[in-house]
């Protein structure tokens, strides 16, 4: 018997390339489970964090729901804390939702079939006082919004 690696016969490749399909299925399954189990919560937390950093006041989101199959996004119960009176919301939105056209998405175009903003309220009472950043941070975030430069 000759165990020389040069004398080994190559296996013929079948019609299915298993060494490509198996990693693709594993990665696709992991992405699917992430989107189903964690994506909505992570997006909700990211929007709240970015809102706090940008506005300097607490931003609360009741629910963030997506459906990639239907092309649907819904954000419910958005509350923006008022910086001067933290026990009130400067703006409260009951529901924001929109649907995208899948046919257009496949052609790398964004066509919004429906968009709705419902339950808009100003200066509504909060269940508990919202978190407000220290005045220096709020001034910085407002200055960035208005494109002013602050000298420290």
N, C-alpha and C. Protein backbone atom coordinates (compact mmCIF):
# COMPACT_ATOMS: atom_id res chain seq x y z
N UNK A 1 0.84 -1.18 0.00
CA UNK A 1 0.00 0.00 0.00
C UNK A 1 0.88 1.24 0.00
N UNK A 2 0.50 2.12 -0.82
CA UNK A 2 1.26 3.35 -0.98
C UNK A 2 0.44 4.51 -0.42
N UNK A 3 0.86 5.14 0.69
CA UNK A 3 0.12 6.24 1.32
C UNK A 3 0.63 7.60 0.85
N UNK A 4 1.25 7.65 -0.25
CA UNK A 4 1.77 8.90 -0.78
C UNK A 4 0.61 9.81 -1.17
N UNK A 5 0.58 11.09 -0.68
CA UNK A 5 -0.54 11.97 -1.00
C UNK A 5 -0.65 12.29 -2.49
N UNK A 6 0.39 12.10 -3.23
CA UNK A 6 0.33 12.39 -4.66
C UNK A 6 -0.43 11.31 -5.42
N UNK A 7 -0.55 10.12 -4.85
CA UNK A 7 -1.22 9.02 -5.52
C UNK A 7 -2.71 8.94 -5.20
N UNK A 8 -3.23 9.84 -4.34
CA UNK A 8 -4.65 9.79 -3.98
C UNK A 8 -5.49 10.26 -5.15
N UNK A 9 -6.60 9.61 -5.33
CA UNK A 9 -7.51 10.01 -6.39
C UNK A 9 -8.43 11.11 -5.89
N UNK A 10 -8.69 12.12 -6.73
CA UNK A 10 -9.62 13.20 -6.37
C UNK A 10 -11.04 12.71 -6.49
N UNK A 11 -11.86 13.09 -5.53
CA UNK A 11 -13.27 12.75 -5.61
C UNK A 11 -13.91 13.61 -6.68
N UNK A 12 -14.83 13.05 -7.38
CA UNK A 12 -15.53 13.86 -8.37
C UNK A 12 -16.57 14.71 -7.65
N UNK A 13 -16.69 15.95 -8.09
CA UNK A 13 -17.61 16.90 -7.47
C UNK A 13 -19.02 16.58 -7.96
N UNK A 14 -19.95 16.43 -7.03
CA UNK A 14 -21.33 16.15 -7.38
C UNK A 14 -22.05 17.42 -7.82
N UNK A 15 -23.31 17.31 -8.16
CA UNK A 15 -24.06 18.49 -8.62
C UNK A 15 -24.35 19.48 -7.48
N UNK A 16 -24.29 19.03 -6.24
CA UNK A 16 -24.53 19.91 -5.09
C UNK A 16 -23.20 20.16 -4.39
N UNK A 17 -22.86 21.42 -4.22
CA UNK A 17 -21.61 21.78 -3.54
C UNK A 17 -21.91 21.95 -2.05
N UNK A 18 -21.80 20.87 -1.29
CA UNK A 18 -22.13 20.88 0.13
C UNK A 18 -21.23 21.80 0.94
N UNK A 19 -19.95 21.94 0.55
CA UNK A 19 -19.07 22.82 1.31
C UNK A 19 -19.40 24.29 1.09
N UNK A 20 -20.32 24.62 0.20
CA UNK A 20 -20.81 26.00 0.06
C UNK A 20 -22.20 26.15 0.65
N UNK A 21 -23.02 25.12 0.52
CA UNK A 21 -24.41 25.21 0.98
C UNK A 21 -24.50 25.18 2.51
N UNK A 22 -23.73 24.33 3.15
CA UNK A 22 -23.83 24.20 4.61
C UNK A 22 -23.45 25.50 5.32
N UNK A 23 -22.32 26.17 5.00
CA UNK A 23 -22.05 27.45 5.67
C UNK A 23 -23.10 28.51 5.35
N UNK A 24 -23.61 28.51 4.12
CA UNK A 24 -24.66 29.47 3.75
C UNK A 24 -25.91 29.25 4.60
N UNK A 25 -26.32 28.00 4.77
CA UNK A 25 -27.50 27.70 5.58
C UNK A 25 -27.28 28.06 7.05
N UNK A 26 -26.09 27.81 7.57
CA UNK A 26 -25.81 28.15 8.97
C UNK A 26 -25.87 29.66 9.17
N UNK A 27 -25.23 30.42 8.29
CA UNK A 27 -25.23 31.88 8.40
C UNK A 27 -26.64 32.44 8.22
N UNK A 28 -27.37 31.91 7.24
CA UNK A 28 -28.75 32.37 7.01
C UNK A 28 -29.64 32.08 8.22
N UNK A 29 -29.47 30.93 8.83
CA UNK A 29 -30.27 30.58 10.01
C UNK A 29 -29.93 31.49 11.18
N UNK A 30 -28.66 31.78 11.39
CA UNK A 30 -28.27 32.69 12.47
C UNK A 30 -28.84 34.09 12.25
N UNK A 31 -28.78 34.58 11.02
CA UNK A 31 -29.34 35.90 10.73
C UNK A 31 -30.85 35.90 10.94
N UNK A 32 -31.53 34.86 10.50
CA UNK A 32 -32.97 34.77 10.68
C UNK A 32 -33.35 34.81 12.16
N UNK A 33 -32.67 34.00 12.98
CA UNK A 33 -33.00 33.97 14.41
C UNK A 33 -32.66 35.30 15.09
N UNK A 34 -31.59 35.96 14.66
CA UNK A 34 -31.30 37.29 15.22
C UNK A 34 -32.42 38.27 14.88
N UNK A 35 -32.85 38.27 13.62
CA UNK A 35 -33.91 39.20 13.22
C UNK A 35 -35.22 38.91 13.94
N UNK A 36 -35.54 37.65 14.14
CA UNK A 36 -36.80 37.29 14.81
C UNK A 36 -36.74 37.57 16.31
N UNK A 37 -35.62 37.23 16.95
CA UNK A 37 -35.56 37.29 18.41
C UNK A 37 -35.04 38.62 18.96
N UNK A 38 -34.05 39.25 18.33
CA UNK A 38 -33.36 40.37 18.95
C UNK A 38 -33.42 41.70 18.21
N UNK A 39 -33.68 41.70 16.91
CA UNK A 39 -33.56 42.92 16.11
C UNK A 39 -34.46 44.04 16.62
N UNK A 40 -35.72 43.75 16.89
CA UNK A 40 -36.66 44.79 17.31
C UNK A 40 -36.23 45.43 18.63
N UNK A 41 -35.80 44.62 19.58
CA UNK A 41 -35.36 45.14 20.87
C UNK A 41 -34.10 45.98 20.71
N UNK A 42 -33.16 45.53 19.91
CA UNK A 42 -31.93 46.29 19.71
C UNK A 42 -32.20 47.62 19.00
N UNK A 43 -33.10 47.63 18.02
CA UNK A 43 -33.45 48.89 17.34
C UNK A 43 -34.16 49.84 18.29
N UNK A 44 -35.05 49.34 19.12
CA UNK A 44 -35.74 50.18 20.10
C UNK A 44 -34.74 50.82 21.05
N UNK A 45 -33.81 50.03 21.58
CA UNK A 45 -32.80 50.56 22.49
C UNK A 45 -31.87 51.54 21.79
N UNK A 46 -31.52 51.28 20.54
CA UNK A 46 -30.65 52.18 19.79
C UNK A 46 -31.33 53.52 19.53
N UNK A 47 -32.61 53.51 19.19
CA UNK A 47 -33.34 54.76 18.96
C UNK A 47 -33.43 55.56 20.25
N UNK A 48 -33.71 54.89 21.36
CA UNK A 48 -33.79 55.59 22.65
C UNK A 48 -32.44 56.20 23.03
N UNK A 49 -31.34 55.47 22.82
CA UNK A 49 -30.02 55.96 23.18
C UNK A 49 -29.62 57.13 22.30
N UNK A 50 -29.81 57.01 20.99
CA UNK A 50 -29.46 58.10 20.07
C UNK A 50 -30.33 59.32 20.35
N UNK A 51 -31.60 59.10 20.66
CA UNK A 51 -32.49 60.22 20.99
C UNK A 51 -32.02 60.96 22.23
N UNK A 52 -31.59 60.22 23.24
CA UNK A 52 -31.10 60.86 24.46
C UNK A 52 -29.82 61.65 24.18
N UNK A 53 -28.90 61.05 23.41
CA UNK A 53 -27.64 61.74 23.09
C UNK A 53 -27.88 62.97 22.23
N UNK A 54 -28.82 62.92 21.33
CA UNK A 54 -29.07 64.04 20.42
C UNK A 54 -29.86 65.16 21.08
N UNK A 55 -30.88 64.79 21.88
CA UNK A 55 -31.76 65.80 22.46
C UNK A 55 -31.37 66.22 23.87
N UNK A 56 -30.69 65.34 24.58
CA UNK A 56 -30.34 65.64 25.96
C UNK A 56 -31.47 65.36 26.93
N UNK A 57 -32.53 64.74 26.44
CA UNK A 57 -33.65 64.35 27.30
C UNK A 57 -34.02 62.91 26.98
N UNK A 58 -34.71 62.28 27.92
CA UNK A 58 -35.07 60.87 27.75
C UNK A 58 -36.06 60.69 26.61
N UNK A 59 -35.83 59.67 25.82
CA UNK A 59 -36.74 59.28 24.74
C UNK A 59 -37.20 57.86 25.06
N UNK A 60 -38.50 57.67 25.10
CA UNK A 60 -39.06 56.35 25.40
C UNK A 60 -39.84 55.85 24.18
N UNK A 61 -39.68 54.58 23.89
CA UNK A 61 -40.44 53.94 22.82
C UNK A 61 -41.15 52.74 23.42
N UNK A 62 -42.45 52.69 23.25
CA UNK A 62 -43.22 51.59 23.81
C UNK A 62 -42.97 50.28 23.09
N UNK A 63 -42.99 50.32 21.75
CA UNK A 63 -42.82 49.08 21.00
C UNK A 63 -42.27 49.40 19.61
N UNK A 64 -41.36 48.56 19.15
CA UNK A 64 -40.79 48.66 17.81
C UNK A 64 -40.99 47.30 17.15
N UNK A 65 -41.77 47.25 16.07
CA UNK A 65 -42.05 45.98 15.40
C UNK A 65 -41.70 46.09 13.92
N UNK A 66 -41.03 45.07 13.41
CA UNK A 66 -40.73 45.02 11.99
C UNK A 66 -41.18 43.68 11.43
N UNK A 67 -41.47 43.69 10.15
CA UNK A 67 -41.74 42.46 9.42
C UNK A 67 -41.04 42.61 8.07
N UNK A 68 -39.95 41.87 7.90
CA UNK A 68 -39.22 41.96 6.65
C UNK A 68 -39.97 41.26 5.52
N UNK A 69 -40.79 40.29 5.86
CA UNK A 69 -41.56 39.59 4.83
C UNK A 69 -42.64 40.51 4.26
N UNK A 70 -43.29 41.28 5.11
CA UNK A 70 -44.34 42.20 4.66
C UNK A 70 -43.79 43.58 4.32
N UNK A 71 -42.55 43.88 4.69
CA UNK A 71 -41.99 45.21 4.47
C UNK A 71 -42.66 46.25 5.34
N UNK A 72 -42.88 45.93 6.59
CA UNK A 72 -43.66 46.76 7.51
C UNK A 72 -42.82 47.15 8.73
N UNK A 73 -42.92 48.42 9.14
CA UNK A 73 -42.28 48.91 10.36
C UNK A 73 -43.33 49.67 11.16
N UNK A 74 -43.39 49.41 12.46
CA UNK A 74 -44.32 50.11 13.33
C UNK A 74 -43.61 50.48 14.63
N UNK A 75 -43.70 51.77 14.99
CA UNK A 75 -43.13 52.26 16.24
C UNK A 75 -44.29 52.84 17.04
N UNK A 76 -44.50 52.33 18.24
CA UNK A 76 -45.63 52.75 19.06
C UNK A 76 -45.17 53.47 20.32
N UNK A 77 -45.99 54.44 20.74
CA UNK A 77 -45.82 55.15 22.02
C UNK A 77 -44.43 55.79 22.15
N UNK A 78 -44.15 56.77 21.32
CA UNK A 78 -42.89 57.51 21.38
C UNK A 78 -43.09 58.72 22.28
N UNK A 79 -42.23 58.86 23.29
CA UNK A 79 -42.31 59.98 24.23
C UNK A 79 -40.97 60.70 24.27
N UNK A 80 -41.00 62.02 24.07
CA UNK A 80 -39.81 62.85 24.19
C UNK A 80 -39.99 63.74 25.41
N UNK A 81 -39.14 63.58 26.41
CA UNK A 81 -39.24 64.34 27.65
C UNK A 81 -38.96 65.82 27.40
N UNK A 82 -39.71 66.67 28.06
CA UNK A 82 -39.46 68.11 27.99
C UNK A 82 -38.28 68.44 28.90
N UNK A 83 -37.31 69.20 28.38
CA UNK A 83 -36.11 69.52 29.14
C UNK A 83 -36.36 70.46 30.31
N UNK A 84 -37.35 71.33 30.22
CA UNK A 84 -37.65 72.29 31.27
C UNK A 84 -38.56 71.70 32.35
N UNK A 85 -39.49 70.84 31.94
CA UNK A 85 -40.43 70.21 32.87
C UNK A 85 -40.39 68.70 32.63
N UNK A 86 -39.52 67.98 33.33
CA UNK A 86 -39.34 66.55 33.07
C UNK A 86 -40.56 65.67 33.36
N UNK A 87 -41.55 66.20 34.06
CA UNK A 87 -42.75 65.40 34.30
C UNK A 87 -43.73 65.46 33.13
N UNK A 88 -43.37 66.20 32.06
CA UNK A 88 -44.19 66.30 30.85
C UNK A 88 -43.40 65.85 29.63
N UNK A 89 -44.12 65.43 28.61
CA UNK A 89 -43.51 65.11 27.32
C UNK A 89 -43.60 66.33 26.42
N UNK A 90 -42.51 66.72 25.80
CA UNK A 90 -42.61 67.83 24.85
C UNK A 90 -43.35 67.35 23.60
N UNK A 91 -43.21 66.08 23.27
CA UNK A 91 -43.92 65.49 22.13
C UNK A 91 -44.19 64.03 22.43
N UNK A 92 -45.39 63.60 22.12
CA UNK A 92 -45.76 62.20 22.26
C UNK A 92 -46.46 61.76 20.98
N UNK A 93 -46.00 60.66 20.42
CA UNK A 93 -46.60 60.11 19.22
C UNK A 93 -47.18 58.74 19.56
N UNK A 94 -48.44 58.55 19.23
CA UNK A 94 -49.08 57.28 19.54
C UNK A 94 -48.58 56.13 18.68
N UNK A 95 -48.43 56.39 17.37
CA UNK A 95 -48.09 55.31 16.47
C UNK A 95 -47.49 55.87 15.18
N UNK A 96 -46.39 55.29 14.73
CA UNK A 96 -45.81 55.57 13.42
C UNK A 96 -45.69 54.24 12.72
N UNK A 97 -46.20 54.16 11.50
CA UNK A 97 -46.07 52.91 10.74
C UNK A 97 -45.92 53.21 9.26
N UNK A 98 -45.19 52.35 8.59
CA UNK A 98 -45.11 52.45 7.14
C UNK A 98 -44.85 51.09 6.53
N UNK A 99 -45.29 50.96 5.28
CA UNK A 99 -45.13 49.74 4.51
C UNK A 99 -44.33 50.05 3.26
N UNK A 100 -43.38 49.19 2.94
CA UNK A 100 -42.57 49.34 1.74
C UNK A 100 -43.03 48.34 0.68
N UNK A 101 -42.87 48.72 -0.58
CA UNK A 101 -43.20 47.87 -1.70
C UNK A 101 -42.03 46.93 -1.97
N UNK A 102 -42.28 45.62 -1.87
CA UNK A 102 -41.21 44.64 -2.04
C UNK A 102 -40.70 44.58 -3.47
N UNK A 103 -41.58 44.76 -4.43
CA UNK A 103 -41.17 44.72 -5.83
C UNK A 103 -40.13 45.81 -6.12
N UNK A 104 -40.35 46.99 -5.57
CA UNK A 104 -39.40 48.09 -5.75
C UNK A 104 -38.11 47.82 -4.98
N UNK A 105 -38.21 47.23 -3.79
CA UNK A 105 -37.01 46.93 -3.00
C UNK A 105 -36.08 45.97 -3.73
N UNK A 106 -36.63 45.05 -4.46
CA UNK A 106 -35.81 44.12 -5.23
C UNK A 106 -35.04 44.83 -6.34
N UNK A 107 -35.56 45.98 -6.76
CA UNK A 107 -34.85 46.80 -7.76
C UNK A 107 -34.09 47.94 -7.10
N UNK A 108 -33.82 47.85 -5.80
CA UNK A 108 -33.06 48.81 -5.00
C UNK A 108 -33.70 50.20 -5.07
N UNK A 109 -35.01 50.22 -4.92
CA UNK A 109 -35.76 51.48 -4.84
C UNK A 109 -36.65 51.40 -3.61
N UNK A 110 -36.87 52.53 -2.98
CA UNK A 110 -37.73 52.59 -1.80
C UNK A 110 -39.04 53.26 -2.19
N UNK A 111 -40.10 52.47 -2.24
CA UNK A 111 -41.43 52.99 -2.51
C UNK A 111 -42.28 52.72 -1.28
N UNK A 112 -42.70 53.80 -0.62
CA UNK A 112 -43.52 53.66 0.58
C UNK A 112 -44.98 53.65 0.17
N UNK A 113 -45.66 52.53 0.43
CA UNK A 113 -47.06 52.40 0.05
C UNK A 113 -47.98 53.10 1.04
N UNK A 114 -47.64 53.00 2.32
CA UNK A 114 -48.45 53.64 3.36
C UNK A 114 -47.52 54.19 4.43
N UNK A 115 -47.84 55.39 4.89
CA UNK A 115 -47.14 55.94 6.04
C UNK A 115 -48.19 56.67 6.88
N UNK A 116 -48.11 56.48 8.18
CA UNK A 116 -49.11 57.09 9.06
C UNK A 116 -48.46 57.48 10.39
N UNK A 117 -48.83 58.65 10.88
CA UNK A 117 -48.44 59.12 12.20
C UNK A 117 -49.74 59.46 12.93
N UNK A 118 -49.98 58.77 14.03
CA UNK A 118 -51.24 58.96 14.76
C UNK A 118 -50.98 59.30 16.21
N UNK A 119 -51.92 59.97 16.83
CA UNK A 119 -51.86 60.25 18.26
C UNK A 119 -50.81 61.27 18.64
N UNK A 120 -50.70 62.36 17.91
CA UNK A 120 -49.71 63.40 18.20
C UNK A 120 -50.22 64.25 19.36
N UNK A 121 -49.40 64.37 20.43
CA UNK A 121 -49.77 65.18 21.59
C UNK A 121 -48.57 66.01 22.01
N UNK A 122 -48.85 67.21 22.47
CA UNK A 122 -47.80 68.10 22.98
C UNK A 122 -48.05 68.33 24.47
N UNK A 123 -46.97 68.37 25.24
CA UNK A 123 -47.01 68.64 26.69
C UNK A 123 -47.97 67.71 27.44
N UNK A 124 -47.90 66.42 27.12
CA UNK A 124 -48.73 65.44 27.83
C UNK A 124 -48.00 65.01 29.11
N UNK A 125 -48.76 64.61 30.09
CA UNK A 125 -48.23 64.21 31.39
C UNK A 125 -47.58 62.83 31.28
N UNK A 126 -46.42 62.66 31.92
CA UNK A 126 -45.72 61.38 31.94
C UNK A 126 -46.11 60.58 33.18
N UNK A 127 -45.92 59.28 33.13
CA UNK A 127 -46.17 58.44 34.30
C UNK A 127 -45.13 58.70 35.38
N UNK A 128 -43.91 58.97 34.97
CA UNK A 128 -42.82 59.29 35.90
C UNK A 128 -41.95 60.35 35.23
N UNK A 129 -41.28 61.19 36.00
CA UNK A 129 -40.43 62.23 35.40
C UNK A 129 -39.32 61.61 34.54
N UNK A 130 -39.09 62.22 33.40
CA UNK A 130 -38.07 61.71 32.49
C UNK A 130 -36.67 62.16 32.87
N UNK A 131 -35.69 61.43 32.38
CA UNK A 131 -34.29 61.73 32.64
C UNK A 131 -33.87 62.90 31.74
N UNK A 132 -33.20 63.88 32.34
CA UNK A 132 -32.72 65.04 31.60
C UNK A 132 -31.22 65.15 31.81
N UNK A 133 -30.48 65.34 30.72
CA UNK A 133 -29.03 65.46 30.82
C UNK A 133 -28.67 66.77 31.53
N UNK A 134 -27.48 66.87 32.11
CA UNK A 134 -27.05 68.12 32.72
C UNK A 134 -27.11 69.26 31.71
N UNK A 135 -27.28 70.50 32.17
CA UNK A 135 -27.47 71.63 31.26
C UNK A 135 -26.36 71.77 30.21
N UNK A 136 -25.12 71.49 30.58
CA UNK A 136 -24.02 71.63 29.63
C UNK A 136 -24.21 70.70 28.43
N UNK A 137 -24.59 69.46 28.69
CA UNK A 137 -24.79 68.49 27.61
C UNK A 137 -25.99 68.89 26.74
N UNK A 138 -27.05 69.38 27.36
CA UNK A 138 -28.22 69.80 26.58
C UNK A 138 -27.87 70.98 25.70
N UNK A 139 -27.08 71.93 26.22
CA UNK A 139 -26.67 73.06 25.40
C UNK A 139 -25.82 72.62 24.23
N UNK A 140 -24.94 71.65 24.48
CA UNK A 140 -24.10 71.14 23.41
C UNK A 140 -24.94 70.48 22.33
N UNK A 141 -25.92 69.66 22.73
CA UNK A 141 -26.73 68.97 21.74
C UNK A 141 -27.60 69.96 20.96
N UNK A 142 -28.13 70.97 21.63
CA UNK A 142 -28.91 71.98 20.92
C UNK A 142 -28.03 72.80 19.98
N UNK A 143 -26.82 73.10 20.41
CA UNK A 143 -25.90 73.85 19.56
C UNK A 143 -25.54 73.05 18.32
N UNK A 144 -25.38 71.75 18.48
CA UNK A 144 -25.08 70.93 17.32
C UNK A 144 -26.26 70.89 16.37
N UNK A 145 -27.47 70.91 16.90
CA UNK A 145 -28.65 70.93 16.05
C UNK A 145 -28.74 72.24 15.27
N UNK A 146 -28.31 73.33 15.89
CA UNK A 146 -28.42 74.64 15.25
C UNK A 146 -27.13 75.06 14.55
N UNK A 147 -26.13 74.15 14.53
CA UNK A 147 -24.86 74.39 13.85
C UNK A 147 -24.09 75.59 14.43
N UNK A 148 -24.22 75.82 15.73
CA UNK A 148 -23.43 76.86 16.39
C UNK A 148 -22.18 76.22 16.97
N UNK A 149 -21.15 77.02 17.12
CA UNK A 149 -19.94 76.54 17.79
C UNK A 149 -19.88 77.16 19.17
N UNK A 150 -19.66 76.32 20.18
CA UNK A 150 -19.57 76.80 21.55
C UNK A 150 -18.11 76.76 21.96
N UNK A 151 -17.61 77.85 22.49
CA UNK A 151 -16.24 77.90 22.99
C UNK A 151 -16.27 77.57 24.46
N UNK A 152 -15.46 76.62 24.86
CA UNK A 152 -15.42 76.21 26.26
C UNK A 152 -14.25 76.84 26.95
